[in-house]
Amino acid sequence: MFKTIRKYILAWGWAMLAMQASIVSAAPGSNWLWIDNGKLRNGDVTINDIPTVILNVTNFVLSLVGTVAMIMIIYGAVRMGYGSVADDKEAGKKIISAGIVGFVISVSGWLIINFIIDNL
């Protein structure tokens, strides 16, 4: 039973990750690392482009981490719900708490990075 549920949750998670990657890569007028295509071709990349690259890369990575954390919370809730049948609610509680900690860390990292980049 858990294997079937795990398959569905993992398939949903992979679909969400693929959607995020396709949304980010389809940004108009952008190229590798979100630097304007014309700037890269002409060699006009400056030191001012570094904060933009850092911000976009961290936003992408932290969105992936947040997605994984939400998948863990959902999986833990399902495991805790079916844990009453298998007498294994503690495993679900541990998974949920690990997912919440991961989500809080990713949101905190996002806030710190955005605060630093905005004040440069």
PDB file of N, CA and C in Angstrom:
ATOM      1  N   MET A   1       0.825  -1.188   0.000  1.00  0.00           N
ATOM      2  CA  MET A   1       0.000   0.000   0.000  1.00  0.00           C
ATOM      3  C   MET A   1       0.878   1.264   0.000  1.00  0.00           C
ATOM      4  N   PHE A   2       1.900   1.274   0.879  1.00  0.00           N
ATOM      5  CA  PHE A   2       2.772   2.448   0.944  1.00  0.00           C
ATOM      6  C   PHE A   2       3.576   2.613  -0.343  1.00  0.00           C
ATOM      7  N   LYS A   3       3.936   1.508  -0.978  1.00  0.00           N
ATOM      8  CA  LYS A   3       4.714   1.589  -2.211  1.00  0.00           C
ATOM      9  C   LYS A   3       3.901   2.242  -3.329  1.00  0.00           C
ATOM     10  N   THR A   4       2.624   1.927  -3.395  1.00  0.00           N
ATOM     11  CA  THR A   4       1.765   2.530  -4.411  1.00  0.00           C
ATOM     12  C   THR A   4       1.593   4.016  -4.155  1.00  0.00           C
ATOM     13  N   ILE A   5       1.364   4.378  -2.910  1.00  0.00           N
ATOM     14  CA  ILE A   5       1.200   5.792  -2.555  1.00  0.00           C
ATOM     15  C   ILE A   5       2.512   6.534  -2.804  1.00  0.00           C
ATOM     16  N   ARG A   6       3.621   5.912  -2.459  1.00  0.00           N
ATOM     17  CA  ARG A   6       4.930   6.525  -2.669  1.00  0.00           C
ATOM     18  C   ARG A   6       5.174   6.782  -4.156  1.00  0.00           C
ATOM     19  N   LYS A   7       4.760   5.835  -5.013  1.00  0.00           N
ATOM     20  CA  LYS A   7       4.916   6.020  -6.457  1.00  0.00           C
ATOM     21  C   LYS A   7       4.137   7.241  -6.940  1.00  0.00           C
ATOM     22  N   TYR A   8       2.883   7.381  -6.474  1.00  0.00           N
ATOM     23  CA  TYR A   8       2.059   8.504  -6.909  1.00  0.00           C
ATOM     24  C   TYR A   8       2.621   9.832  -6.416  1.00  0.00           C
ATOM     25  N   ILE A   9       3.072   9.878  -5.196  1.00  0.00           N
ATOM     26  CA  ILE A   9       3.620  11.115  -4.650  1.00  0.00           C
ATOM     27  C   ILE A   9       4.920  11.477  -5.355  1.00  0.00           C
ATOM     28  N   LEU A  10       5.780  10.504  -5.608  1.00  0.00           N
ATOM     29  CA  LEU A  10       7.024  10.783  -6.317  1.00  0.00           C
ATOM     30  C   LEU A  10       6.767  11.208  -7.757  1.00  0.00           C
ATOM     31  N   ALA A  11       5.786  10.602  -8.411  1.00  0.00           N
ATOM     32  CA  ALA A  11       5.444  11.020  -9.776  1.00  0.00           C
ATOM     33  C   ALA A  11       4.930  12.455  -9.783  1.00  0.00           C
ATOM     34  N   TRP A  12       4.113  12.804  -8.810  1.00  0.00           N
ATOM     35  CA  TRP A  12       3.602  14.171  -8.705  1.00  0.00           C
ATOM     36  C   TRP A  12       4.751  15.138  -8.443  1.00  0.00           C
ATOM     37  N   GLY A  13       5.675  14.746  -7.580  1.00  0.00           N
ATOM     38  CA  GLY A  13       6.820  15.602  -7.273  1.00  0.00           C
ATOM     39  C   GLY A  13       7.704  15.824  -8.479  1.00  0.00           C
ATOM     40  N   TRP A  14       7.985  14.766  -9.238  1.00  0.00           N
ATOM     41  CA  TRP A  14       8.790  14.926 -10.444  1.00  0.00           C
ATOM     42  C   TRP A  14       8.091  15.819 -11.455  1.00  0.00           C
ATOM     43  N   ALA A  15       6.766  15.706 -11.548  1.00  0.00           N
ATOM     44  CA  ALA A  15       6.022  16.577 -12.467  1.00  0.00           C
ATOM     45  C   ALA A  15       6.142  18.034 -12.037  1.00  0.00           C
ATOM     46  N   MET A  16       6.065  18.301 -10.734  1.00  0.00           N
ATOM     47  CA  MET A  16       6.190  19.680 -10.247  1.00  0.00           C
ATOM     48  C   MET A  16       7.597  20.223 -10.516  1.00  0.00           C
ATOM     49  N   LEU A  17       8.614  19.405 -10.310  1.00  0.00           N
ATOM     50  CA  LEU A  17       9.988  19.838 -10.580  1.00  0.00           C
ATOM     51  C   LEU A  17      10.191  20.114 -12.070  1.00  0.00           C
ATOM     52  N   ALA A  18       9.612  19.269 -12.921  1.00  0.00           N
ATOM     53  CA  ALA A  18       9.745  19.487 -14.364  1.00  0.00           C
ATOM     54  C   ALA A  18       9.032  20.762 -14.787  1.00  0.00           C
ATOM     55  N   MET A  19       7.880  21.046 -14.173  1.00  0.00           N
ATOM     56  CA  MET A  19       7.178  22.289 -14.508  1.00  0.00           C
ATOM     57  C   MET A  19       7.994  23.500 -14.098  1.00  0.00           C
ATOM     58  N   GLN A  20       8.624  23.460 -12.931  1.00  0.00           N
ATOM     59  CA  GLN A  20       9.446  24.589 -12.493  1.00  0.00           C
ATOM     60  C   GLN A  20      10.619  24.796 -13.425  1.00  0.00           C
ATOM     61  N   ALA A  21      11.261  23.719 -13.841  1.00  0.00           N
ATOM     62  CA  ALA A  21      12.401  23.847 -14.740  1.00  0.00           C
ATOM     63  C   ALA A  21      11.976  24.399 -16.094  1.00  0.00           C
ATOM     64  N   SER A  22      10.817  23.984 -16.582  1.00  0.00           N
ATOM     65  CA  SER A  22      10.377  24.481 -17.884  1.00  0.00           C
ATOM     66  C   SER A  22       9.942  25.937 -17.794  1.00  0.00           C
ATOM     67  N   ILE A  23       9.367  26.346 -16.684  1.00  0.00           N
ATOM     68  CA  ILE A  23       8.956  27.745 -16.524  1.00  0.00           C
ATOM     69  C   ILE A  23      10.181  28.642 -16.462  1.00  0.00           C
ATOM     70  N   VAL A  24      11.203  28.230 -15.715  1.00  0.00           N
ATOM     71  CA  VAL A  24      12.402  29.044 -15.577  1.00  0.00           C
ATOM     72  C   VAL A  24      13.165  29.126 -16.894  1.00  0.00           C
ATOM     73  N   SER A  25      13.268  28.007 -17.618  1.00  0.00           N
ATOM     74  CA  SER A  25      14.038  28.024 -18.856  1.00  0.00           C
ATOM     75  C   SER A  25      13.304  28.730 -19.983  1.00  0.00           C
ATOM     76  N   ALA A  26      11.998  28.933 -19.845  1.00  0.00           N
ATOM     77  CA  ALA A  26      11.228  29.569 -20.905  1.00  0.00           C
ATOM     78  C   ALA A  26      11.082  31.069 -20.694  1.00  0.00           C
ATOM     79  N   ALA A  27      11.875  31.653 -19.827  1.00  0.00           N
ATOM     80  CA  ALA A  27      11.781  33.092 -19.584  1.00  0.00           C
ATOM     81  C   ALA A  27      12.160  33.850 -20.849  1.00  0.00           C
ATOM     82  N   PRO A  28      11.359  34.839 -21.234  1.00  0.00           N
ATOM     83  CA  PRO A  28      11.635  35.539 -22.496  1.00  0.00           C
ATOM     84  C   PRO A  28      12.899  36.388 -22.414  1.00  0.00           C
ATOM     85  N   GLY A  29      13.680  36.374 -23.488  1.00  0.00           N
ATOM     86  CA  GLY A  29      14.871  37.207 -23.584  1.00  0.00           C
ATOM     87  C   GLY A  29      16.003  36.786 -22.688  1.00  0.00           C
ATOM     88  N   SER A  30      15.979  35.560 -22.228  1.00  0.00           N
ATOM     89  CA  SER A  30      17.038  35.135 -21.325  1.00  0.00           C
ATOM     90  C   SER A  30      17.824  34.000 -21.956  1.00  0.00           C
ATOM     91  N   ASN A  31      18.955  33.745 -21.374  1.00  0.00           N
ATOM     92  CA  ASN A  31      19.802  32.672 -21.855  1.00  0.00           C
ATOM     93  C   ASN A  31      20.419  32.005 -20.647  1.00  0.00           C
ATOM     94  N   TRP A  32      21.597  31.509 -20.790  1.00  0.00           N
ATOM     95  CA  TRP A  32      22.242  30.761 -19.741  1.00  0.00           C
ATOM     96  C   TRP A  32      22.417  31.609 -18.485  1.00  0.00           C
ATOM     97  N   LEU A  33      21.998  31.108 -17.362  1.00  0.00           N
ATOM     98  CA  LEU A  33      22.064  31.771 -16.054  1.00  0.00           C
ATOM     99  C   LEU A  33      21.323  33.110 -16.020  1.00  0.00           C
ATOM    100  N   TRP A  34      20.310  33.241 -16.831  1.00  0.00           N
ATOM    101  CA  TRP A  34      19.410  34.385 -16.819  1.00  0.00           C
ATOM    102  C   TRP A  34      20.106  35.707 -17.134  1.00  0.00           C
ATOM    103  N   ILE A  35      21.151  35.654 -17.924  1.00  0.00           N
ATOM    104  CA  ILE A  35      21.785  36.880 -18.412  1.00  0.00           C
ATOM    105  C   ILE A  35      21.268  37.113 -19.821  1.00  0.00           C
ATOM    106  N   ASP A  36      21.018  38.348 -20.167  1.00  0.00           N
ATOM    107  CA  ASP A  36      20.464  38.697 -21.470  1.00  0.00           C
ATOM    108  C   ASP A  36      21.309  38.092 -22.596  1.00  0.00           C
ATOM    109  N   ASN A  37      20.623  37.565 -23.580  1.00  0.00           N
ATOM    110  CA  ASN A  37      21.286  36.878 -24.689  1.00  0.00           C
ATOM    111  C   ASN A  37      22.234  37.799 -25.447  1.00  0.00           C
ATOM    112  N   GLY A  38      21.846  39.036 -25.657  1.00  0.00           N
ATOM    113  CA  GLY A  38      22.701  39.975 -26.377  1.00  0.00           C
ATOM    114  C   GLY A  38      23.973  40.294 -25.615  1.00  0.00           C
ATOM    115  N   LYS A  39      23.877  40.407 -24.302  1.00  0.00           N
ATOM    116  CA  LYS A  39      25.058  40.690 -23.482  1.00  0.00           C
ATOM    117  C   LYS A  39      26.071  39.545 -23.562  1.00  0.00           C
ATOM    118  N   LEU A  40      25.587  38.328 -23.534  1.00  0.00           N
ATOM    119  CA  LEU A  40      26.499  37.194 -23.607  1.00  0.00           C
ATOM    120  C   LEU A  40      27.185  37.115 -24.966  1.00  0.00           C
ATOM    121  N   ARG A  41      26.444  37.361 -26.028  1.00  0.00           N
ATOM    122  CA  ARG A  41      27.025  37.257 -27.373  1.00  0.00           C
ATOM    123  C   ARG A  41      28.039  38.363 -27.641  1.00  0.00           C
ATOM    124  N   ASN A  42      27.799  39.552 -27.089  1.00  0.00           N
ATOM    125  CA  ASN A  42      28.715  40.674 -27.316  1.00  0.00           C
ATOM    126  C   ASN A  42      29.836  40.749 -26.289  1.00  0.00           C
ATOM    127  N   GLY A  43      29.753  39.954 -25.254  1.00  0.00           N
ATOM    128  CA  GLY A  43      30.758  39.999 -24.203  1.00  0.00           C
ATOM    129  C   GLY A  43      30.602  41.193 -23.283  1.00  0.00           C
ATOM    130  N   ASP A  44      29.370  41.696 -23.144  1.00  0.00           N
ATOM    131  CA  ASP A  44      29.107  42.866 -22.314  1.00  0.00           C
ATOM    132  C   ASP A  44      28.685  42.501 -20.892  1.00  0.00           C
ATOM    133  N   VAL A  45      29.074  41.355 -20.421  1.00  0.00           N
ATOM    134  CA  VAL A  45      28.721  40.941 -19.072  1.00  0.00           C
ATOM    135  C   VAL A  45      29.594  41.715 -18.093  1.00  0.00           C
ATOM    136  N   THR A  46      28.946  42.341 -17.107  1.00  0.00           N
ATOM    137  CA  THR A  46      29.674  43.165 -16.144  1.00  0.00           C
ATOM    138  C   THR A  46      29.558  42.591 -14.746  1.00  0.00           C
ATOM    139  N   ILE A  47      30.207  43.235 -13.823  1.00  0.00           N
ATOM    140  CA  ILE A  47      30.158  42.829 -12.422  1.00  0.00           C
ATOM    141  C   ILE A  47      28.754  43.028 -11.847  1.00  0.00           C
ATOM    142  N   ASN A  48      27.972  43.910 -12.452  1.00  0.00           N
ATOM    143  CA  ASN A  48      26.611  44.159 -11.978  1.00  0.00           C
ATOM    144  C   ASN A  48      25.669  43.004 -12.299  1.00  0.00           C
ATOM    145  N   ASP A  49      26.059  42.113 -13.181  1.00  0.00           N
ATOM    146  CA  ASP A  49      25.224  40.953 -13.521  1.00  0.00           C
ATOM    147  C   ASP A  49      25.365  39.820 -12.504  1.00  0.00           C
ATOM    148  N   ILE A  50      26.388  39.851 -11.685  1.00  0.00           N
ATOM    149  CA  ILE A  50      26.621  38.774 -10.716  1.00  0.00           C
ATOM    150  C   ILE A  50      25.490  38.671  -9.693  1.00  0.00           C
ATOM    151  N   PRO A  51      25.006  39.771  -9.098  1.00  0.00           N
ATOM    152  CA  PRO A  51      23.881  39.612  -8.167  1.00  0.00           C
ATOM    153  C   PRO A  51      22.624  39.047  -8.826  1.00  0.00           C
ATOM    154  N   THR A  52      22.410  39.374 -10.083  1.00  0.00           N
ATOM    155  CA  THR A  52      21.244  38.830 -10.787  1.00  0.00           C
ATOM    156  C   THR A  52      21.368  37.322 -10.947  1.00  0.00           C
ATOM    157  N   VAL A  53      22.554  36.865 -11.305  1.00  0.00           N
ATOM    158  CA  VAL A  53      22.777  35.431 -11.462  1.00  0.00           C
ATOM    159  C   VAL A  53      22.618  34.724 -10.118  1.00  0.00           C
ATOM    160  N   ILE A  54      23.206  35.277  -9.071  1.00  0.00           N
ATOM    161  CA  ILE A  54      23.109  34.668  -7.739  1.00  0.00           C
ATOM    162  C   ILE A  54      21.658  34.596  -7.290  1.00  0.00           C
ATOM    163  N   LEU A  55      20.914  35.674  -7.474  1.00  0.00           N
ATOM    164  CA  LEU A  55      19.520  35.705  -7.054  1.00  0.00           C
ATOM    165  C   LEU A  55      18.686  34.686  -7.827  1.00  0.00           C
ATOM    166  N   ASN A  56      18.871  34.614  -9.121  1.00  0.00           N
ATOM    167  CA  ASN A  56      18.066  33.687  -9.917  1.00  0.00           C
ATOM    168  C   ASN A  56      18.415  32.231  -9.651  1.00  0.00           C
ATOM    169  N   VAL A  57      19.685  31.941  -9.474  1.00  0.00           N
ATOM    170  CA  VAL A  57      20.085  30.562  -9.181  1.00  0.00           C
ATOM    171  C   VAL A  57      19.574  30.144  -7.803  1.00  0.00           C
ATOM    172  N   THR A  58      19.717  31.004  -6.805  1.00  0.00           N
ATOM    173  CA  THR A  58      19.231  30.648  -5.471  1.00  0.00           C
ATOM    174  C   THR A  58      17.710  30.542  -5.448  1.00  0.00           C
ATOM    175  N   ASN A  59      17.013  31.403  -6.174  1.00  0.00           N
ATOM    176  CA  ASN A  59      15.552  31.278  -6.237  1.00  0.00           C
ATOM    177  C   ASN A  59      15.143  29.942  -6.841  1.00  0.00           C
ATOM    178  N   PHE A  60      15.839  29.533  -7.893  1.00  0.00           N
ATOM    179  CA  PHE A  60      15.520  28.257  -8.526  1.00  0.00           C
ATOM    180  C   PHE A  60      15.808  27.086  -7.593  1.00  0.00           C
ATOM    181  N   VAL A  61      16.982  27.084  -6.972  1.00  0.00           N
ATOM    182  CA  VAL A  61      17.350  25.982  -6.076  1.00  0.00           C
ATOM    183  C   VAL A  61      16.421  25.932  -4.865  1.00  0.00           C
ATOM    184  N   LEU A  62      16.117  27.094  -4.289  1.00  0.00           N
ATOM    185  CA  LEU A  62      15.248  27.105  -3.121  1.00  0.00           C
ATOM    186  C   LEU A  62      13.817  26.741  -3.473  1.00  0.00           C
ATOM    187  N   SER A  63      13.385  27.010  -4.694  1.00  0.00           N
ATOM    188  CA  SER A  63      12.049  26.564  -5.089  1.00  0.00           C
ATOM    189  C   SER A  63      12.011  25.044  -5.212  1.00  0.00           C
ATOM    190  N   LEU A  64      13.102  24.451  -5.680  1.00  0.00           N
ATOM    191  CA  LEU A  64      13.177  22.991  -5.720  1.00  0.00           C
ATOM    192  C   LEU A  64      13.180  22.399  -4.310  1.00  0.00           C
ATOM    193  N   VAL A  65      13.934  23.023  -3.419  1.00  0.00           N
ATOM    194  CA  VAL A  65      13.987  22.540  -2.034  1.00  0.00           C
ATOM    195  C   VAL A  65      12.614  22.675  -1.374  1.00  0.00           C
ATOM    196  N   GLY A  66      11.936  23.780  -1.633  1.00  0.00           N
ATOM    197  CA  GLY A  66      10.589  23.963  -1.082  1.00  0.00           C
ATOM    198  C   GLY A  66       9.615  22.930  -1.614  1.00  0.00           C
ATOM    199  N   THR A  67       9.736  22.583  -2.896  1.00  0.00           N
ATOM    200  CA  THR A  67       8.871  21.559  -3.474  1.00  0.00           C
ATOM    201  C   THR A  67       9.125  20.201  -2.838  1.00  0.00           C
ATOM    202  N   VAL A  68      10.387  19.867  -2.651  1.00  0.00           N
ATOM    203  CA  VAL A  68      10.724  18.593  -2.001  1.00  0.00           C
ATOM    204  C   VAL A  68      10.205  18.574  -0.561  1.00  0.00           C
ATOM    205  N   ALA A  69      10.309  19.689   0.136  1.00  0.00           N
ATOM    206  CA  ALA A  69       9.809  19.758   1.515  1.00  0.00           C
ATOM    207  C   ALA A  69       8.295  19.562   1.555  1.00  0.00           C
ATOM    208  N   MET A  70       7.579  20.160   0.616  1.00  0.00           N
ATOM    209  CA  MET A  70       6.127  19.982   0.586  1.00  0.00           C
ATOM    210  C   MET A  70       5.759  18.541   0.247  1.00  0.00           C
ATOM    211  N   ILE A  71       6.520  17.910  -0.639  1.00  0.00           N
ATOM    212  CA  ILE A  71       6.271  16.500  -0.957  1.00  0.00           C
ATOM    213  C   ILE A  71       6.489  15.640   0.285  1.00  0.00           C
ATOM    214  N   MET A  72       7.521  15.962   1.062  1.00  0.00           N
ATOM    215  CA  MET A  72       7.767  15.215   2.301  1.00  0.00           C
ATOM    216  C   MET A  72       6.624  15.394   3.296  1.00  0.00           C
ATOM    217  N   ILE A  73       6.099  16.608   3.402  1.00  0.00           N
ATOM    218  CA  ILE A  73       4.988  16.851   4.326  1.00  0.00           C
ATOM    219  C   ILE A  73       3.760  16.049   3.894  1.00  0.00           C
ATOM    220  N   ILE A  74       3.480  16.053   2.603  1.00  0.00           N
ATOM    221  CA  ILE A  74       2.323  15.303   2.106  1.00  0.00           C
ATOM    222  C   ILE A  74       2.518  13.806   2.322  1.00  0.00           C
ATOM    223  N   TYR A  75       3.711  13.308   2.010  1.00  0.00           N
ATOM    224  CA  TYR A  75       3.989  11.882   2.211  1.00  0.00           C
ATOM    225  C   TYR A  75       3.894  11.505   3.691  1.00  0.00           C
ATOM    226  N   GLY A  76       4.413  12.360   4.561  1.00  0.00           N
ATOM    227  CA  GLY A  76       4.314  12.089   5.993  1.00  0.00           C
ATOM    228  C   GLY A  76       2.880  12.072   6.478  1.00  0.00           C
ATOM    229  N   ALA A  77       2.044  12.973   5.936  1.00  0.00           N
ATOM    230  CA  ALA A  77       0.636  12.997   6.327  1.00  0.00           C
ATOM    231  C   ALA A  77      -0.076  11.733   5.863  1.00  0.00           C
ATOM    232  N   VAL A  78       0.234  11.291   4.652  1.00  0.00           N
ATOM    233  CA  VAL A  78      -0.373  10.050   4.159  1.00  0.00           C
ATOM    234  C   VAL A  78       0.099   8.871   4.994  1.00  0.00           C
ATOM    235  N   ARG A  79       1.371   8.859   5.294  1.00  0.00           N
ATOM    236  CA  ARG A  79       1.913   7.750   6.092  1.00  0.00           C
ATOM    237  C   ARG A  79       1.329   7.763   7.507  1.00  0.00           C
ATOM    238  N   MET A  80       1.123   8.956   8.040  1.00  0.00           N
ATOM    239  CA  MET A  80       0.539   9.058   9.372  1.00  0.00           C
ATOM    240  C   MET A  80      -0.938   8.650   9.348  1.00  0.00           C
ATOM    241  N   GLY A  81      -1.625   9.006   8.270  1.00  0.00           N
ATOM    242  CA  GLY A  81      -3.034   8.628   8.149  1.00  0.00           C
ATOM    243  C   GLY A  81      -3.220   7.129   8.040  1.00  0.00           C
ATOM    244  N   TYR A  82      -2.377   6.477   7.252  1.00  0.00           N
ATOM    245  CA  TYR A  82      -2.452   5.033   7.129  1.00  0.00           C
ATOM    246  C   TYR A  82      -1.659   4.330   8.219  1.00  0.00           C
ATOM    247  N   GLY A  83      -0.992   5.084   9.045  1.00  0.00           N
ATOM    248  CA  GLY A  83      -0.219   4.494  10.128  1.00  0.00           C
ATOM    249  C   GLY A  83      -1.073   3.875  11.201  1.00  0.00           C
ATOM    250  N   SER A  84      -2.327   4.339  11.284  1.00  0.00           N
ATOM    251  CA  SER A  84      -3.201   3.746  12.286  1.00  0.00           C
ATOM    252  C   SER A  84      -3.505   2.298  11.933  1.00  0.00           C
ATOM    253  N   VAL A  85      -3.471   1.971  10.655  1.00  0.00           N
ATOM    254  CA  VAL A  85      -3.690   0.594  10.237  1.00  0.00           C
ATOM    255  C   VAL A  85      -2.449  -0.244  10.554  1.00  0.00           C
ATOM    256  N   ALA A  86      -1.275   0.325  10.285  1.00  0.00           N
ATOM    257  CA  ALA A  86      -0.032  -0.423  10.473  1.00  0.00           C
ATOM    258  C   ALA A  86       0.640  -0.103  11.811  1.00  0.00           C
ATOM    259  N   ASP A  87       0.006   0.679  12.657  1.00  0.00           N
ATOM    260  CA  ASP A  87       0.572   1.075  13.947  1.00  0.00           C
ATOM    261  C   ASP A  87       1.950   1.713  13.788  1.00  0.00           C
ATOM    262  N   ASP A  88       2.071   2.639  12.853  1.00  0.00           N
ATOM    263  CA  ASP A  88       3.353   3.279  12.579  1.00  0.00           C
ATOM    264  C   ASP A  88       3.171   4.777  12.373  1.00  0.00           C
ATOM    265  N   LYS A  89       2.508   5.432  13.305  1.00  0.00           N
ATOM    266  CA  LYS A  89       2.278   6.874  13.182  1.00  0.00           C
ATOM    267  C   LYS A  89       3.527   7.688  13.461  1.00  0.00           C
ATOM    268  N   GLU A  90       4.444   7.154  14.231  1.00  0.00           N
ATOM    269  CA  GLU A  90       5.659   7.897  14.585  1.00  0.00           C
ATOM    270  C   GLU A  90       6.524   8.183  13.360  1.00  0.00           C
ATOM    271  N   ALA A  91       6.580   7.258  12.426  1.00  0.00           N
ATOM    272  CA  ALA A  91       7.367   7.489  11.202  1.00  0.00           C
ATOM    273  C   ALA A  91       6.773   8.649  10.415  1.00  0.00           C
ATOM    274  N   GLY A  92       5.449   8.724  10.333  1.00  0.00           N
ATOM    275  CA  GLY A  92       4.791   9.837   9.654  1.00  0.00           C
ATOM    276  C   GLY A  92       5.058  11.160  10.336  1.00  0.00           C
ATOM    277  N   LYS A  93       5.050  11.164  11.651  1.00  0.00           N
ATOM    278  CA  LYS A  93       5.339  12.404  12.392  1.00  0.00           C
ATOM    279  C   LYS A  93       6.771  12.873  12.155  1.00  0.00           C
ATOM    280  N   LYS A  94       7.713  11.937  12.105  1.00  0.00           N
ATOM    281  CA  LYS A  94       9.111  12.309  11.849  1.00  0.00           C
ATOM    282  C   LYS A  94       9.284  12.880  10.447  1.00  0.00           C
ATOM    283  N   ILE A  95       8.593  12.286   9.467  1.00  0.00           N
ATOM    284  CA  ILE A  95       8.696  12.774   8.094  1.00  0.00           C
ATOM    285  C   ILE A  95       8.087  14.174   7.983  1.00  0.00           C
ATOM    286  N   ILE A  96       6.961  14.395   8.640  1.00  0.00           N
ATOM    287  CA  ILE A  96       6.331  15.716   8.605  1.00  0.00           C
ATOM    288  C   ILE A  96       7.224  16.761   9.267  1.00  0.00           C
ATOM    289  N   SER A  97       7.804  16.423  10.407  1.00  0.00           N
ATOM    290  CA  SER A  97       8.669  17.405  11.082  1.00  0.00           C
ATOM    291  C   SER A  97       9.917  17.699  10.250  1.00  0.00           C
ATOM    292  N   ALA A  98      10.473  16.694   9.576  1.00  0.00           N
ATOM    293  CA  ALA A  98      11.630  16.940   8.708  1.00  0.00           C
ATOM    294  C   ALA A  98      11.231  17.807   7.519  1.00  0.00           C
ATOM    295  N   GLY A  99      10.046  17.600   6.968  1.00  0.00           N
ATOM    296  CA  GLY A  99       9.569  18.434   5.870  1.00  0.00           C
ATOM    297  C   GLY A  99       9.347  19.871   6.295  1.00  0.00           C
ATOM    298  N   ILE A 100       8.803  20.076   7.481  1.00  0.00           N
ATOM    299  CA  ILE A 100       8.574  21.441   7.984  1.00  0.00           C
ATOM    300  C   ILE A 100       9.907  22.138   8.228  1.00  0.00           C
ATOM    301  N   VAL A 101      10.868  21.428   8.798  1.00  0.00           N
ATOM    302  CA  VAL A 101      12.193  22.021   9.015  1.00  0.00           C
ATOM    303  C   VAL A 101      12.836  22.395   7.681  1.00  0.00           C
ATOM    304  N   GLY A 102      12.742  21.524   6.691  1.00  0.00           N
ATOM    305  CA  GLY A 102      13.286  21.831   5.371  1.00  0.00           C
ATOM    306  C   GLY A 102      12.608  23.027   4.734  1.00  0.00           C
ATOM    307  N   PHE A 103      11.296  23.128   4.895  1.00  0.00           N
ATOM    308  CA  PHE A 103      10.562  24.263   4.340  1.00  0.00           C
ATOM    309  C   PHE A 103      10.961  25.564   5.025  1.00  0.00           C
ATOM    310  N   VAL A 104      11.100  25.535   6.341  1.00  0.00           N
ATOM    311  CA  VAL A 104      11.499  26.739   7.079  1.00  0.00           C
ATOM    312  C   VAL A 104      12.910  27.161   6.682  1.00  0.00           C
ATOM    313  N   ILE A 105      13.815  26.200   6.519  1.00  0.00           N
ATOM    314  CA  ILE A 105      15.178  26.529   6.101  1.00  0.00           C
ATOM    315  C   ILE A 105      15.182  27.139   4.706  1.00  0.00           C
ATOM    316  N   SER A 106      14.395  26.594   3.786  1.00  0.00           N
ATOM    317  CA  SER A 106      14.380  27.138   2.427  1.00  0.00           C
ATOM    318  C   SER A 106      13.781  28.541   2.387  1.00  0.00           C
ATOM    319  N   VAL A 107      12.724  28.784   3.148  1.00  0.00           N
ATOM    320  CA  VAL A 107      12.131  30.124   3.182  1.00  0.00           C
ATOM    321  C   VAL A 107      13.085  31.114   3.848  1.00  0.00           C
ATOM    322  N   SER A 108      13.764  30.681   4.905  1.00  0.00           N
ATOM    323  CA  SER A 108      14.736  31.556   5.567  1.00  0.00           C
ATOM    324  C   SER A 108      15.892  31.892   4.641  1.00  0.00           C
ATOM    325  N   GLY A 109      16.381  30.908   3.922  1.00  0.00           N
ATOM    326  CA  GLY A 109      17.452  31.159   2.957  1.00  0.00           C
ATOM    327  C   GLY A 109      17.027  32.124   1.868  1.00  0.00           C
ATOM    328  N   TRP A 110      15.806  31.958   1.393  1.00  0.00           N
ATOM    329  CA  TRP A 110      15.284  32.863   0.361  1.00  0.00           C
ATOM    330  C   TRP A 110      15.192  34.296   0.894  1.00  0.00           C
ATOM    331  N   LEU A 111      14.691  34.447   2.118  1.00  0.00           N
ATOM    332  CA  LEU A 111      14.584  35.791   2.711  1.00  0.00           C
ATOM    333  C   LEU A 111      15.961  36.429   2.900  1.00  0.00           C
ATOM    334  N   ILE A 112      16.922  35.662   3.374  1.00  0.00           N
ATOM    335  CA  ILE A 112      18.261  36.203   3.598  1.00  0.00           C
ATOM    336  C   ILE A 112      18.911  36.621   2.285  1.00  0.00           C
ATOM    337  N   ILE A 113      18.841  35.763   1.271  1.00  0.00           N
ATOM    338  CA  ILE A 113      19.443  36.081  -0.026  1.00  0.00           C
ATOM    339  C   ILE A 113      18.786  37.309  -0.636  1.00  0.00           C
ATOM    340  N   ASN A 114      17.457  37.371  -0.608  1.00  0.00           N
ATOM    341  CA  ASN A 114      16.771  38.541  -1.179  1.00  0.00           C
ATOM    342  C   ASN A 114      17.088  39.811  -0.408  1.00  0.00           C
ATOM    343  N   PHE A 115      17.210  39.736   0.901  1.00  0.00           N
ATOM    344  CA  PHE A 115      17.553  40.914   1.689  1.00  0.00           C
ATOM    345  C   PHE A 115      18.957  41.404   1.342  1.00  0.00           C
ATOM    346  N   ILE A 116      19.907  40.489   1.213  1.00  0.00           N
ATOM    347  CA  ILE A 116      21.280  40.880   0.884  1.00  0.00           C
ATOM    348  C   ILE A 116      21.356  41.462  -0.514  1.00  0.00           C
ATOM    349  N   ILE A 117      20.724  40.808  -1.491  1.00  0.00           N
ATOM    350  CA  ILE A 117      20.789  41.286  -2.872  1.00  0.00           C
ATOM    351  C   ILE A 117      20.093  42.624  -3.020  1.00  0.00           C
ATOM    352  N   ASP A 118      18.966  42.828  -2.344  1.00  0.00           N
ATOM    353  CA  ASP A 118      18.250  44.121  -2.453  1.00  0.00           C
ATOM    354  C   ASP A 118      19.045  45.272  -1.851  1.00  0.00           C
ATOM    355  N   ASN A 119      19.908  44.993  -0.883  1.00  0.00           N
ATOM    356  CA  ASN A 119      20.666  46.054  -0.232  1.00  0.00           C
ATOM    357  C   ASN A 119      22.070  46.243  -0.817  1.00  0.00           C
ATOM    358  N   LEU A 120      22.366  45.600  -1.922  1.00  0.00           N
ATOM    359  CA  LEU A 120      23.667  45.813  -2.573  1.00  0.00           C
ATOM    360  C   LEU A 120      23.673  47.104  -3.357  1.00  0.00           C
TER     361      LEU A 120
END
